[in-house]
Amino acid sequence: FRRVLFRSTWKGQKLTFKDGTSLTFAARARSWRTGRMGETGKQFSNRFALDPFNAMLNYSGAIIVAQCARACAGLGLDPAFGILHSTRPGMHALAWDVFELLRVRTETAVFGFVASRNFAQTDFKIVREPKPHIRFEAALARDLAAHVLRRVPFAIVVKTCRTVAGLF
């Protein structure tokens, strides 16, 4: 329920550039794609963000999932075997299961980061291949990672991982 309310606040969020221009998002761009039958091949990945805001969400989510995998392994759990997410080679399903409980906190951290600064248009670039998507510069990535990791510290990730492990 909390996540549904949170997602409704995406409408009207602004990304402001140093030159005074800004982008306002009417709704969250859908970069999480699955096929009609639930297939999850490369064409259905979350890697191809459609706007700068979504690129920052994808990046911060990947950082926290990596922390979740680290916490799972540290607790003696196999991060590859989860319940909610499919188990396939290269997928840390349990880490993604843990991340679902941290998603709102992570997205809130990204909102805070976006609200705390102005962006230059040179911070972002459009990549045309293999599919058009948005990427951002390394300096921005470092700042975003630091901001998100302060808002979602490893101790919280470990606590959440223990909560998920207690469900088994």
N, C-alpha and C. Protein backbone atom coordinates (compact mmCIF):
# COMPACT_ATOMS: atom_id res chain seq x y z
N PHE A 1 0.83 -1.20 0.00
CA PHE A 1 0.00 0.00 0.00
C PHE A 1 0.87 1.25 0.00
N ARG A 2 1.91 1.26 0.85
CA ARG A 2 2.80 2.41 0.92
C ARG A 2 3.48 2.67 -0.42
N ARG A 3 3.88 1.59 -1.10
CA ARG A 3 4.56 1.75 -2.38
C ARG A 3 3.61 2.33 -3.43
N VAL A 4 2.35 1.92 -3.40
CA VAL A 4 1.38 2.45 -4.36
C VAL A 4 1.22 3.95 -4.15
N LEU A 5 1.10 4.39 -2.91
CA LEU A 5 0.99 5.82 -2.63
C LEU A 5 2.25 6.54 -3.06
N PHE A 6 3.39 5.95 -2.82
CA PHE A 6 4.66 6.57 -3.17
C PHE A 6 4.77 6.76 -4.68
N ARG A 7 4.39 5.75 -5.43
CA ARG A 7 4.49 5.87 -6.89
C ARG A 7 3.59 6.96 -7.43
N SER A 8 2.48 7.23 -6.76
CA SER A 8 1.60 8.28 -7.25
C SER A 8 2.27 9.65 -7.11
N THR A 9 3.29 9.76 -6.27
CA THR A 9 3.97 11.05 -6.10
C THR A 9 5.00 11.29 -7.19
N TRP A 10 5.21 10.35 -8.09
CA TRP A 10 6.15 10.57 -9.19
C TRP A 10 5.63 11.66 -10.12
N LYS A 11 4.34 11.75 -10.21
CA LYS A 11 3.75 12.73 -11.12
C LYS A 11 4.15 14.13 -10.68
N GLY A 12 4.70 14.88 -11.62
CA GLY A 12 5.08 16.24 -11.34
C GLY A 12 6.50 16.43 -10.81
N GLN A 13 7.27 15.36 -10.62
CA GLN A 13 8.65 15.50 -10.16
C GLN A 13 9.47 16.21 -11.23
N LYS A 14 10.40 17.08 -10.79
CA LYS A 14 11.20 17.86 -11.72
C LYS A 14 12.68 17.50 -11.63
N LEU A 15 13.33 17.52 -12.75
CA LEU A 15 14.77 17.40 -12.84
C LEU A 15 15.23 18.73 -13.43
N THR A 16 15.94 19.55 -12.64
CA THR A 16 16.30 20.89 -13.06
C THR A 16 17.75 20.93 -13.51
N PHE A 17 17.99 21.59 -14.64
CA PHE A 17 19.33 21.75 -15.17
C PHE A 17 19.88 23.12 -14.78
N LYS A 18 21.21 23.26 -14.81
CA LYS A 18 21.86 24.51 -14.41
C LYS A 18 21.42 25.70 -15.24
N ASP A 19 21.07 25.46 -16.49
CA ASP A 19 20.67 26.58 -17.34
C ASP A 19 19.23 27.03 -17.10
N GLY A 20 18.58 26.42 -16.10
CA GLY A 20 17.22 26.81 -15.75
C GLY A 20 16.13 25.96 -16.38
N THR A 21 16.46 25.18 -17.40
CA THR A 21 15.45 24.30 -18.00
C THR A 21 15.23 23.11 -17.08
N SER A 22 14.08 22.50 -17.22
CA SER A 22 13.78 21.33 -16.39
C SER A 22 12.88 20.36 -17.13
N LEU A 23 12.90 19.15 -16.66
CA LEU A 23 12.01 18.11 -17.17
C LEU A 23 11.03 17.77 -16.05
N THR A 24 9.77 17.66 -16.38
CA THR A 24 8.77 17.22 -15.42
C THR A 24 8.22 15.89 -15.90
N PHE A 25 8.11 14.94 -14.99
CA PHE A 25 7.67 13.61 -15.37
C PHE A 25 6.21 13.42 -15.04
N ALA A 26 5.46 13.03 -16.05
CA ALA A 26 4.03 12.80 -15.87
C ALA A 26 3.78 11.47 -15.18
N ALA A 27 4.64 10.51 -15.42
CA ALA A 27 4.52 9.19 -14.82
C ALA A 27 5.86 8.50 -14.91
N ARG A 28 6.02 7.44 -14.17
CA ARG A 28 7.26 6.68 -14.21
C ARG A 28 7.39 6.00 -15.56
N ALA A 29 8.53 6.17 -16.20
CA ALA A 29 8.79 5.47 -17.46
C ALA A 29 8.98 4.00 -17.16
N ARG A 30 8.40 3.16 -17.94
CA ARG A 30 8.49 1.73 -17.69
C ARG A 30 9.74 1.15 -18.33
N SER A 31 10.74 0.91 -17.50
CA SER A 31 11.93 0.27 -18.03
C SER A 31 12.02 -1.17 -17.54
N TRP A 32 11.11 -1.57 -16.66
CA TRP A 32 11.08 -2.96 -16.19
C TRP A 32 10.11 -3.70 -17.09
N ARG A 33 10.63 -4.48 -18.00
CA ARG A 33 9.79 -5.10 -19.01
C ARG A 33 9.82 -6.62 -18.90
N THR A 34 8.66 -7.20 -19.05
CA THR A 34 8.57 -8.65 -19.19
C THR A 34 7.65 -8.94 -20.36
N GLY A 35 7.79 -10.11 -20.91
CA GLY A 35 6.96 -10.48 -22.04
C GLY A 35 5.57 -10.88 -21.59
N ARG A 36 4.73 -11.22 -22.54
CA ARG A 36 3.35 -11.58 -22.24
C ARG A 36 3.25 -12.82 -21.37
N MET A 37 4.20 -13.74 -21.55
CA MET A 37 4.18 -14.98 -20.78
C MET A 37 5.14 -14.94 -19.59
N GLY A 38 5.62 -13.75 -19.23
CA GLY A 38 6.51 -13.61 -18.09
C GLY A 38 7.97 -13.86 -18.42
N GLU A 39 8.31 -13.99 -19.72
CA GLU A 39 9.69 -14.25 -20.08
C GLU A 39 10.57 -13.05 -19.74
N THR A 40 11.81 -13.31 -19.43
CA THR A 40 12.70 -12.25 -18.97
C THR A 40 14.04 -12.30 -19.70
N GLY A 41 14.02 -12.28 -21.00
CA GLY A 41 15.25 -12.28 -21.78
C GLY A 41 15.89 -10.91 -21.80
N LYS A 42 17.01 -10.79 -22.52
CA LYS A 42 17.74 -9.53 -22.57
C LYS A 42 16.87 -8.38 -23.06
N GLN A 43 15.96 -8.65 -23.96
CA GLN A 43 15.12 -7.57 -24.48
C GLN A 43 14.16 -7.05 -23.43
N PHE A 44 14.03 -7.73 -22.30
CA PHE A 44 13.11 -7.31 -21.25
C PHE A 44 13.86 -6.79 -20.02
N SER A 45 15.10 -6.36 -20.17
CA SER A 45 15.88 -5.95 -19.00
C SER A 45 15.52 -4.54 -18.56
N ASN A 46 16.03 -4.15 -17.40
CA ASN A 46 15.79 -2.81 -16.87
C ASN A 46 16.95 -1.88 -17.18
N ARG A 47 17.86 -2.28 -18.04
CA ARG A 47 19.08 -1.52 -18.27
C ARG A 47 18.90 -0.29 -19.13
N PHE A 48 17.85 -0.20 -19.89
CA PHE A 48 17.73 0.88 -20.86
C PHE A 48 16.76 1.95 -20.37
N ALA A 49 17.27 2.86 -19.55
CA ALA A 49 16.44 3.92 -18.98
C ALA A 49 15.99 4.88 -20.08
N LEU A 50 14.77 5.33 -19.95
CA LEU A 50 14.19 6.19 -20.96
C LEU A 50 14.35 7.68 -20.65
N ASP A 51 14.76 8.01 -19.42
CA ASP A 51 14.96 9.40 -19.04
C ASP A 51 16.02 9.45 -17.94
N PRO A 52 16.59 10.62 -17.64
CA PRO A 52 17.65 10.71 -16.62
C PRO A 52 17.21 10.23 -15.24
N PHE A 53 15.98 10.52 -14.88
CA PHE A 53 15.47 10.12 -13.58
C PHE A 53 15.45 8.59 -13.45
N ASN A 54 14.98 7.93 -14.49
CA ASN A 54 14.92 6.48 -14.46
C ASN A 54 16.32 5.87 -14.47
N ALA A 55 17.27 6.51 -15.17
CA ALA A 55 18.66 6.04 -15.16
C ALA A 55 19.21 6.06 -13.73
N MET A 56 18.90 7.11 -12.99
CA MET A 56 19.37 7.20 -11.61
C MET A 56 18.69 6.16 -10.72
N LEU A 57 17.41 5.89 -10.97
CA LEU A 57 16.71 4.85 -10.21
C LEU A 57 17.30 3.48 -10.49
N ASN A 58 17.55 3.17 -11.76
CA ASN A 58 18.14 1.88 -12.12
C ASN A 58 19.51 1.70 -11.48
N TYR A 59 20.34 2.74 -11.54
CA TYR A 59 21.69 2.67 -10.99
C TYR A 59 21.66 2.47 -9.47
N SER A 60 20.84 3.25 -8.79
CA SER A 60 20.78 3.12 -7.34
C SER A 60 20.21 1.77 -6.93
N GLY A 61 19.25 1.27 -7.69
CA GLY A 61 18.72 -0.07 -7.40
C GLY A 61 19.78 -1.14 -7.55
N ALA A 62 20.61 -1.02 -8.57
CA ALA A 62 21.69 -2.00 -8.77
C ALA A 62 22.70 -1.95 -7.63
N ILE A 63 22.98 -0.76 -7.13
CA ILE A 63 23.91 -0.63 -6.01
C ILE A 63 23.36 -1.32 -4.77
N ILE A 64 22.10 -1.10 -4.47
CA ILE A 64 21.50 -1.70 -3.27
C ILE A 64 21.34 -3.20 -3.44
N VAL A 65 21.04 -3.68 -4.64
CA VAL A 65 20.95 -5.13 -4.86
C VAL A 65 22.32 -5.77 -4.64
N ALA A 66 23.39 -5.10 -5.06
CA ALA A 66 24.73 -5.62 -4.80
C ALA A 66 25.00 -5.70 -3.30
N GLN A 67 24.55 -4.69 -2.56
CA GLN A 67 24.68 -4.73 -1.11
C GLN A 67 23.84 -5.87 -0.51
N CYS A 68 22.66 -6.09 -1.07
CA CYS A 68 21.80 -7.19 -0.60
C CYS A 68 22.48 -8.54 -0.84
N ALA A 69 23.09 -8.72 -2.00
CA ALA A 69 23.79 -9.97 -2.31
C ALA A 69 24.94 -10.18 -1.34
N ARG A 70 25.66 -9.11 -1.05
CA ARG A 70 26.77 -9.17 -0.10
C ARG A 70 26.28 -9.56 1.30
N ALA A 71 25.16 -8.96 1.73
CA ALA A 71 24.60 -9.27 3.04
C ALA A 71 24.11 -10.71 3.11
N CYS A 72 23.45 -11.16 2.05
CA CYS A 72 22.97 -12.55 2.02
C CYS A 72 24.14 -13.53 2.14
N ALA A 73 25.18 -13.29 1.35
CA ALA A 73 26.35 -14.17 1.40
C ALA A 73 27.01 -14.13 2.78
N GLY A 74 27.06 -12.95 3.38
CA GLY A 74 27.66 -12.82 4.71
C GLY A 74 26.86 -13.55 5.78
N LEU A 75 25.59 -13.71 5.57
CA LEU A 75 24.73 -14.43 6.53
C LEU A 75 24.65 -15.93 6.21
N GLY A 76 25.40 -16.35 5.19
CA GLY A 76 25.40 -17.77 4.83
C GLY A 76 24.27 -18.19 3.92
N LEU A 77 23.62 -17.24 3.30
CA LEU A 77 22.52 -17.54 2.38
C LEU A 77 23.04 -17.46 0.95
N ASP A 78 22.44 -18.20 0.08
CA ASP A 78 22.82 -18.14 -1.33
C ASP A 78 21.97 -17.07 -2.00
N PRO A 79 22.58 -15.97 -2.44
CA PRO A 79 21.78 -14.88 -3.01
C PRO A 79 21.11 -15.24 -4.33
N ALA A 80 21.44 -16.39 -4.91
CA ALA A 80 20.87 -16.77 -6.20
C ALA A 80 19.51 -17.45 -6.08
N PHE A 81 19.15 -17.93 -4.90
CA PHE A 81 17.91 -18.69 -4.75
C PHE A 81 16.89 -17.90 -3.94
N GLY A 82 15.95 -17.29 -4.64
CA GLY A 82 14.93 -16.49 -4.00
C GLY A 82 13.55 -17.07 -4.21
N ILE A 83 12.58 -16.33 -3.75
CA ILE A 83 11.19 -16.77 -3.84
C ILE A 83 10.41 -15.96 -4.88
N LEU A 84 10.50 -14.65 -4.82
CA LEU A 84 9.70 -13.78 -5.68
C LEU A 84 10.27 -13.62 -7.08
N HIS A 85 11.58 -13.72 -7.20
CA HIS A 85 12.24 -13.49 -8.49
C HIS A 85 12.74 -14.81 -9.06
N SER A 86 12.77 -14.88 -10.38
CA SER A 86 13.16 -16.12 -11.05
C SER A 86 14.64 -16.42 -10.83
N THR A 87 14.92 -17.69 -10.69
CA THR A 87 16.29 -18.14 -10.53
C THR A 87 16.80 -18.53 -11.91
N ARG A 88 17.81 -17.80 -12.36
CA ARG A 88 18.43 -18.09 -13.64
C ARG A 88 19.90 -17.68 -13.54
N PRO A 89 20.73 -18.16 -14.42
CA PRO A 89 22.16 -17.83 -14.32
C PRO A 89 22.41 -16.33 -14.30
N GLY A 90 23.24 -15.90 -13.36
CA GLY A 90 23.59 -14.49 -13.24
C GLY A 90 22.60 -13.65 -12.47
N MET A 91 21.49 -14.23 -12.05
CA MET A 91 20.44 -13.49 -11.33
C MET A 91 20.57 -13.76 -9.84
N HIS A 92 20.66 -12.72 -9.04
CA HIS A 92 20.68 -12.86 -7.59
C HIS A 92 19.25 -12.70 -7.08
N ALA A 93 18.47 -13.75 -7.23
CA ALA A 93 17.04 -13.68 -6.94
C ALA A 93 16.75 -13.31 -5.49
N LEU A 94 17.47 -13.91 -4.54
CA LEU A 94 17.22 -13.58 -3.13
C LEU A 94 17.59 -12.13 -2.84
N ALA A 95 18.67 -11.66 -3.44
CA ALA A 95 19.06 -10.26 -3.26
C ALA A 95 17.96 -9.34 -3.78
N TRP A 96 17.36 -9.69 -4.91
CA TRP A 96 16.25 -8.88 -5.43
C TRP A 96 15.02 -8.98 -4.53
N ASP A 97 14.79 -10.16 -3.92
CA ASP A 97 13.69 -10.29 -2.96
C ASP A 97 13.90 -9.34 -1.78
N VAL A 98 15.12 -9.29 -1.26
CA VAL A 98 15.44 -8.39 -0.14
C VAL A 98 15.27 -6.94 -0.59
N PHE A 99 15.72 -6.64 -1.81
CA PHE A 99 15.61 -5.27 -2.32
C PHE A 99 14.16 -4.79 -2.36
N GLU A 100 13.22 -5.67 -2.62
CA GLU A 100 11.82 -5.24 -2.67
C GLU A 100 11.39 -4.56 -1.38
N LEU A 101 11.96 -5.00 -0.25
CA LEU A 101 11.63 -4.36 1.03
C LEU A 101 12.38 -3.03 1.21
N LEU A 102 13.40 -2.81 0.40
CA LEU A 102 14.20 -1.58 0.48
C LEU A 102 13.91 -0.62 -0.67
N ARG A 103 13.03 -1.00 -1.55
CA ARG A 103 12.78 -0.21 -2.76
C ARG A 103 12.29 1.21 -2.45
N VAL A 104 11.34 1.34 -1.57
CA VAL A 104 10.79 2.67 -1.25
C VAL A 104 11.88 3.55 -0.66
N ARG A 105 12.67 3.00 0.25
CA ARG A 105 13.77 3.76 0.86
C ARG A 105 14.77 4.20 -0.20
N THR A 106 15.08 3.29 -1.15
CA THR A 106 16.03 3.60 -2.21
C THR A 106 15.48 4.67 -3.14
N GLU A 107 14.24 4.53 -3.56
CA GLU A 107 13.63 5.52 -4.44
C GLU A 107 13.51 6.87 -3.76
N THR A 108 13.21 6.88 -2.47
CA THR A 108 13.15 8.12 -1.72
C THR A 108 14.51 8.80 -1.69
N ALA A 109 15.57 8.00 -1.57
CA ALA A 109 16.93 8.55 -1.59
C ALA A 109 17.23 9.21 -2.93
N VAL A 110 16.77 8.60 -4.01
CA VAL A 110 16.99 9.19 -5.34
C VAL A 110 16.19 10.50 -5.47
N PHE A 111 14.96 10.52 -4.98
CA PHE A 111 14.17 11.77 -4.99
C PHE A 111 14.91 12.86 -4.23
N GLY A 112 15.48 12.51 -3.08
CA GLY A 112 16.23 13.48 -2.29
C GLY A 112 17.45 13.99 -3.03
N PHE A 113 18.13 13.09 -3.73
CA PHE A 113 19.30 13.47 -4.50
C PHE A 113 18.92 14.43 -5.62
N VAL A 114 17.86 14.11 -6.34
CA VAL A 114 17.41 14.96 -7.45
C VAL A 114 16.99 16.33 -6.94
N ALA A 115 16.33 16.36 -5.79
CA ALA A 115 15.87 17.63 -5.24
C ALA A 115 17.01 18.48 -4.69
N SER A 116 18.14 17.85 -4.37
CA SER A 116 19.22 18.56 -3.70
C SER A 116 20.19 19.27 -4.63
N ARG A 117 20.05 19.10 -5.92
CA ARG A 117 21.03 19.71 -6.83
C ARG A 117 20.44 20.05 -8.18
N ASN A 118 21.16 20.86 -8.90
CA ASN A 118 20.84 21.15 -10.29
C ASN A 118 21.78 20.35 -11.16
N PHE A 119 21.31 19.94 -12.30
CA PHE A 119 22.09 19.10 -13.20
C PHE A 119 22.44 19.85 -14.47
N ALA A 120 23.59 19.57 -15.01
CA ALA A 120 23.97 20.10 -16.32
C ALA A 120 23.53 19.09 -17.37
N GLN A 121 23.15 19.57 -18.53
CA GLN A 121 22.74 18.64 -19.57
C GLN A 121 23.90 17.74 -19.98
N THR A 122 25.13 18.20 -19.75
CA THR A 122 26.30 17.37 -20.08
C THR A 122 26.49 16.23 -19.09
N ASP A 123 25.75 16.26 -17.97
CA ASP A 123 25.81 15.14 -17.02
C ASP A 123 25.21 13.87 -17.61
N PHE A 124 24.38 14.04 -18.63
CA PHE A 124 23.67 12.91 -19.23
C PHE A 124 24.00 12.81 -20.71
N LYS A 125 23.96 11.60 -21.21
CA LYS A 125 24.14 11.44 -22.66
C LYS A 125 23.18 10.38 -23.16
N ILE A 126 22.77 10.55 -24.40
CA ILE A 126 21.89 9.58 -25.04
C ILE A 126 22.77 8.59 -25.78
N VAL A 127 22.59 7.32 -25.46
CA VAL A 127 23.32 6.25 -26.13
C VAL A 127 22.36 5.60 -27.12
N ARG A 128 22.78 5.47 -28.35
CA ARG A 128 21.89 4.96 -29.41
C ARG A 128 21.90 3.44 -29.54
N GLU A 129 22.99 2.79 -29.19
CA GLU A 129 23.11 1.34 -29.41
C GLU A 129 23.29 0.62 -28.09
N PRO A 130 22.79 -0.57 -27.88
CA PRO A 130 21.98 -1.37 -28.78
C PRO A 130 20.54 -0.90 -28.87
N LYS A 131 20.07 -0.17 -27.84
CA LYS A 131 18.76 0.49 -27.90
C LYS A 131 18.96 1.88 -27.33
N PRO A 132 18.20 2.87 -27.79
CA PRO A 132 18.36 4.21 -27.23
C PRO A 132 18.07 4.22 -25.73
N HIS A 133 18.96 4.83 -24.97
CA HIS A 133 18.78 4.97 -23.53
C HIS A 133 19.66 6.09 -23.01
N ILE A 134 19.47 6.42 -21.74
CA ILE A 134 20.19 7.52 -21.10
C ILE A 134 21.26 6.95 -20.17
N ARG A 135 22.42 7.57 -20.21
CA ARG A 135 23.51 7.25 -19.28
C ARG A 135 23.94 8.55 -18.61
N PHE A 136 24.66 8.44 -17.48
CA PHE A 136 25.19 9.65 -16.85
C PHE A 136 26.66 9.49 -16.54
N GLU A 137 27.32 10.62 -16.30
CA GLU A 137 28.76 10.69 -16.11
C GLU A 137 29.20 10.06 -14.79
N ALA A 138 30.48 9.68 -14.72
CA ALA A 138 31.04 9.00 -13.55
C ALA A 138 30.96 9.85 -12.28
N ALA A 139 31.20 11.15 -12.40
CA ALA A 139 31.14 12.02 -11.22
C ALA A 139 29.74 12.03 -10.62
N LEU A 140 28.73 12.09 -11.48
CA LEU A 140 27.35 12.04 -11.01
C LEU A 140 27.05 10.68 -10.40
N ALA A 141 27.56 9.62 -10.99
CA ALA A 141 27.36 8.27 -10.45
C ALA A 141 27.95 8.15 -9.05
N ARG A 142 29.15 8.70 -8.84
CA ARG A 142 29.77 8.66 -7.51
C ARG A 142 28.93 9.42 -6.49
N ASP A 143 28.48 10.61 -6.87
CA ASP A 143 27.66 11.41 -5.95
C ASP A 143 26.35 10.70 -5.62
N LEU A 144 25.72 10.13 -6.62
CA LEU A 144 24.46 9.41 -6.41
C LEU A 144 24.68 8.19 -5.51
N ALA A 145 25.73 7.43 -5.79
CA ALA A 145 26.02 6.24 -4.98
C ALA A 145 26.26 6.62 -3.52
N ALA A 146 27.04 7.66 -3.30
CA ALA A 146 27.32 8.10 -1.93
C ALA A 146 26.03 8.52 -1.22
N HIS A 147 25.19 9.25 -1.92
CA HIS A 147 23.92 9.72 -1.34
C HIS A 147 23.02 8.53 -0.99
N VAL A 148 22.88 7.60 -1.92
CA VAL A 148 22.00 6.44 -1.69
C VAL A 148 22.53 5.56 -0.56
N LEU A 149 23.84 5.34 -0.54
CA LEU A 149 24.42 4.48 0.50
C LEU A 149 24.35 5.12 1.88
N ARG A 150 24.31 6.45 1.95
CA ARG A 150 24.08 7.10 3.25
C ARG A 150 22.64 6.91 3.71
N ARG A 151 21.70 6.90 2.77
CA ARG A 151 20.28 6.76 3.10
C ARG A 151 19.86 5.31 3.32
N VAL A 152 20.58 4.39 2.69
CA VAL A 152 20.30 2.96 2.84
C VAL A 152 21.61 2.29 3.30
N PRO A 153 21.96 2.47 4.57
CA PRO A 153 23.24 1.93 5.04
C PRO A 153 23.25 0.41 5.08
N PHE A 154 24.45 -0.14 5.07
CA PHE A 154 24.61 -1.59 5.03
C PHE A 154 23.95 -2.27 6.23
N ALA A 155 23.95 -1.62 7.39
CA ALA A 155 23.31 -2.21 8.58
C ALA A 155 21.82 -2.44 8.33
N ILE A 156 21.16 -1.53 7.64
CA ILE A 156 19.73 -1.70 7.31
C ILE A 156 19.57 -2.84 6.32
N VAL A 157 20.48 -2.95 5.37
CA VAL A 157 20.41 -4.03 4.38
C VAL A 157 20.55 -5.38 5.08
N VAL A 158 21.49 -5.50 6.00
CA VAL A 158 21.69 -6.76 6.74
C VAL A 158 20.44 -7.08 7.56
N LYS A 159 19.89 -6.09 8.23
CA LYS A 159 18.67 -6.30 9.03
C LYS A 159 17.52 -6.78 8.15
N THR A 160 17.37 -6.18 6.98
CA THR A 160 16.31 -6.59 6.05
C THR A 160 16.56 -8.00 5.53
N CYS A 161 17.82 -8.31 5.27
CA CYS A 161 18.17 -9.66 4.81
C CYS A 161 17.83 -10.69 5.88
N ARG A 162 18.10 -10.36 7.13
CA ARG A 162 17.75 -11.28 8.23
C ARG A 162 16.23 -11.45 8.32
N THR A 163 15.49 -10.39 8.09
CA THR A 163 14.02 -10.47 8.09
C THR A 163 13.55 -11.44 7.03
N VAL A 164 14.08 -11.30 5.82
CA VAL A 164 13.69 -12.20 4.73
C VAL A 164 14.11 -13.63 5.05
N ALA A 165 15.30 -13.83 5.58
CA ALA A 165 15.78 -15.17 5.93
C ALA A 165 14.89 -15.82 6.99
N GLY A 166 14.33 -14.99 7.89
CA GLY A 166 13.46 -15.51 8.93
C GLY A 166 12.13 -16.02 8.40
N LEU A 167 11.79 -15.68 7.17
CA LEU A 167 10.54 -16.15 6.58
C LEU A 167 10.63 -17.60 6.09
N PHE A 168 11.85 -18.09 5.94
CA PHE A 168 12.01 -19.46 5.41
C PHE A 168 11.87 -20.46 6.50
